[in-house]
Amino acid sequence: MKRAVYSLFTVSLMLAAGLAFAGSAAEDVTVSDAYARAVPPGQPNSASFMLLANGSATAHAVVAAESPVAKVVELHTHTMSEGMMKMRQVEKIDIPANGMTQLEPGGLHVMLIGLTQDLKPNDEVSLTLMFEDGSKLALVVPVRNLQMKMMQQGMGGMEHGKMNH
């Protein structure tokens, strides 16, 4: 009996230690290159983009977000439907174990709906991500102008602002 109690005690300690070392999603997930899109004054909506990296062996998911700069914050994606890009809300954004998920224009993003202030380049906004386990990650993200991919890659015959002849 004494041996059984000792074994149970040892197993209990090991379980407790394991739980103590298991990180929350907010501890396991790191965010890089986060930013909110600058919008013209009076524009009611914007979006935030970032790279989510999960350094743990457990898959995680962002299930909600909040920000004081918007009345409503939703998780969204873009899908192609009948030849048109359409935006739709998603319940969660999965981040695979030991993997990454990119939030980017034309894909997954955090939608900021009903802006309560103008979002100008070089401003900063608070954004909190909420995970499936109830943990939260508070971020302060810069506001940036969104460069169109065509502009970033150059415009065909254009080079340094001059036409090639």
Protein backbone atom coordinates (compact mmCIF):
# COMPACT_ATOMS: atom_id res chain seq x y z
CA MET A 1 0.00 0.00 0.00
CA LYS A 2 2.80 2.39 0.92
CA ARG A 3 4.47 1.72 -2.45
CA ALA A 4 1.18 2.39 -4.32
CA VAL A 5 0.71 5.73 -2.51
CA TYR A 6 4.33 6.68 -3.26
CA SER A 7 3.86 5.79 -6.95
CA LEU A 8 0.64 7.79 -7.14
CA PHE A 9 2.37 10.74 -5.48
CA THR A 10 5.26 10.53 -7.96
CA VAL A 11 2.90 10.36 -10.94
CA SER A 12 0.94 13.34 -9.58
CA LEU A 13 4.14 15.38 -9.22
CA MET A 14 5.22 14.49 -12.76
CA LEU A 15 1.83 15.51 -14.17
CA ALA A 16 1.90 18.78 -12.25
CA ALA A 17 5.44 19.48 -13.47
CA GLY A 18 4.39 18.72 -17.04
CA LEU A 19 1.51 21.15 -16.79
CA ALA A 20 3.77 23.79 -15.31
CA PHE A 21 6.13 23.51 -18.29
CA ALA A 22 3.37 23.39 -20.91
CA GLY A 23 3.10 26.89 -22.35
CA SER A 24 -0.06 28.70 -23.25
CA ALA A 25 -0.74 29.51 -26.87
CA ALA A 26 0.17 33.14 -26.17
CA GLU A 27 3.57 31.94 -24.92
CA ASP A 28 4.10 29.49 -27.80
CA VAL A 29 3.15 31.82 -30.66
CA THR A 30 5.40 34.66 -31.75
CA VAL A 31 4.28 37.47 -34.01
CA SER A 32 6.53 39.22 -36.51
CA ASP A 33 6.10 41.87 -39.20
CA ALA A 34 2.71 42.91 -37.80
CA TYR A 35 1.08 46.05 -39.12
CA ALA A 36 -2.29 47.69 -39.72
CA ARG A 37 -3.17 49.15 -43.11
CA ALA A 38 -3.33 52.94 -43.32
CA VAL A 39 -6.60 54.19 -44.80
CA PRO A 40 -7.80 57.61 -46.01
CA PRO A 41 -9.64 59.76 -43.43
CA GLY A 42 -13.27 58.70 -43.09
CA GLN A 43 -12.63 55.18 -44.40
CA PRO A 44 -14.66 52.94 -42.04
CA ASN A 45 -12.57 49.74 -42.20
CA SER A 46 -9.00 48.53 -42.26
CA ALA A 47 -7.08 45.30 -41.64
CA SER A 48 -4.04 43.98 -39.83
CA PHE A 49 -1.51 41.52 -41.18
CA MET A 50 1.34 39.53 -39.58
CA LEU A 51 3.32 36.31 -39.50
CA LEU A 52 2.31 33.91 -36.70
CA ALA A 53 4.95 31.33 -35.74
CA ASN A 54 4.18 28.44 -33.39
CA GLY A 55 7.30 27.12 -31.67
CA SER A 56 5.55 24.28 -29.86
CA ALA A 57 4.57 20.71 -30.70
CA THR A 58 0.92 21.67 -30.11
CA ALA A 59 -1.23 23.25 -32.83
CA HIS A 60 -2.87 26.53 -31.81
CA ALA A 61 -5.48 28.86 -33.27
CA VAL A 62 -6.41 32.52 -33.02
CA VAL A 63 -10.15 32.50 -32.29
CA ALA A 64 -10.80 36.23 -31.82
CA ALA A 65 -9.14 39.63 -31.69
CA GLU A 66 -9.92 43.05 -30.28
CA SER A 67 -8.66 46.59 -30.70
CA PRO A 68 -9.73 49.96 -29.31
CA VAL A 69 -9.43 51.46 -32.83
CA ALA A 70 -12.44 49.49 -34.15
CA LYS A 71 -15.99 48.86 -33.01
CA VAL A 72 -15.80 45.28 -34.32
CA VAL A 73 -12.77 43.07 -34.96
CA GLU A 74 -13.17 39.87 -36.98
CA LEU A 75 -10.96 37.17 -38.44
CA HIS A 76 -11.31 37.07 -42.25
CA THR A 77 -10.01 35.44 -45.40
CA HIS A 78 -10.40 36.01 -49.12
CA THR A 79 -11.76 33.31 -51.39
CA MET A 80 -12.27 33.11 -55.13
CA SER A 81 -15.94 32.66 -55.98
CA GLU A 82 -17.38 32.82 -59.48
CA GLY A 83 -14.26 34.59 -60.74
CA MET A 84 -14.39 37.25 -58.02
CA MET A 85 -12.39 37.65 -54.82
CA LYS A 86 -14.76 37.71 -51.86
CA MET A 87 -13.99 38.34 -48.22
CA ARG A 88 -15.60 36.18 -45.56
CA GLN A 89 -15.36 35.81 -41.82
CA VAL A 90 -13.68 32.69 -40.39
CA GLU A 91 -14.13 31.15 -36.92
CA LYS A 92 -10.40 30.74 -36.33
CA ILE A 93 -6.96 31.03 -37.85
CA ASP A 94 -4.98 27.83 -37.35
CA ILE A 95 -1.26 27.87 -36.57
CA PRO A 96 0.20 24.38 -37.04
CA ALA A 97 2.53 22.78 -34.50
CA ASN A 98 6.09 23.94 -35.19
CA GLY A 99 4.72 25.90 -38.14
CA MET A 100 3.73 29.33 -39.38
CA THR A 101 0.65 31.08 -40.72
CA GLN A 102 0.92 34.25 -42.80
CA LEU A 103 -1.78 36.89 -42.54
CA GLU A 104 -1.50 38.99 -45.70
CA PRO A 105 -3.47 41.10 -48.17
CA GLY A 106 -5.60 38.82 -50.33
CA GLY A 107 -5.51 36.06 -47.70
CA LEU A 108 -6.09 35.64 -43.98
CA HIS A 109 -6.24 38.89 -41.98
CA VAL A 110 -7.68 40.60 -38.91
CA MET A 111 -10.47 42.92 -40.06
CA LEU A 112 -10.92 46.23 -38.21
CA ILE A 113 -14.53 47.30 -38.76
CA GLY A 114 -16.03 50.64 -37.75
CA LEU A 115 -12.80 52.51 -37.11
CA THR A 116 -12.95 54.86 -34.14
CA GLN A 117 -9.98 56.91 -35.39
CA ASP A 118 -8.08 57.58 -38.60
CA LEU A 119 -5.22 55.16 -39.28
CA LYS A 120 -2.31 57.20 -40.64
CA PRO A 121 1.17 55.95 -41.55
CA ASN A 122 3.54 55.89 -38.55
CA ASP A 123 0.66 55.71 -36.03
CA GLU A 124 0.55 52.69 -33.72
CA VAL A 125 -2.51 50.69 -32.72
CA SER A 126 -3.17 48.18 -29.96
CA LEU A 127 -4.35 44.75 -31.05
CA THR A 128 -5.01 41.74 -28.82
CA LEU A 129 -5.11 38.19 -30.21
CA MET A 130 -7.14 35.58 -28.31
CA PHE A 131 -6.29 31.90 -28.61
CA GLU A 132 -8.22 28.62 -28.31
CA ASP A 133 -6.93 28.06 -24.77
CA GLY A 134 -8.18 31.44 -23.52
CA SER A 135 -4.73 33.05 -23.44
CA LYS A 136 -4.22 36.50 -24.97
CA LEU A 137 -1.33 38.22 -26.69
CA ALA A 138 -1.29 42.03 -26.61
CA LEU A 139 0.45 43.74 -29.52
CA VAL A 140 1.22 47.30 -30.54
CA VAL A 141 1.43 47.38 -34.33
CA PRO A 142 2.56 50.18 -36.63
CA VAL A 143 0.26 51.62 -39.27
CA ARG A 144 1.72 51.34 -42.77
CA ASN A 145 0.67 52.23 -46.30
CA LEU A 146 -0.20 49.07 -48.17
CA GLN A 147 1.96 48.77 -51.26
CA MET A 148 0.34 46.99 -54.16
CA LYS A 149 2.24 43.90 -55.32
CA MET A 150 2.49 45.37 -58.81
CA MET A 151 4.23 48.43 -57.40
CA GLN A 152 6.60 46.34 -55.29
CA GLN A 153 7.64 44.21 -58.27
CA GLY A 154 7.93 47.09 -60.72
CA MET A 155 5.57 47.88 -63.54
CA GLY A 156 6.57 45.91 -66.62
CA GLY A 157 8.50 48.36 -68.84
CA MET A 158 8.86 50.91 -66.05
CA GLU A 159 12.21 51.14 -64.31
CA HIS A 160 13.09 53.84 -61.81
CA GLY A 161 10.11 55.92 -62.94
CA LYS A 162 11.14 56.03 -66.62
CA MET A 163 9.80 54.04 -69.54
CA ASN A 164 12.26 51.72 -71.25
CA HIS A 165 12.29 52.35 -74.99
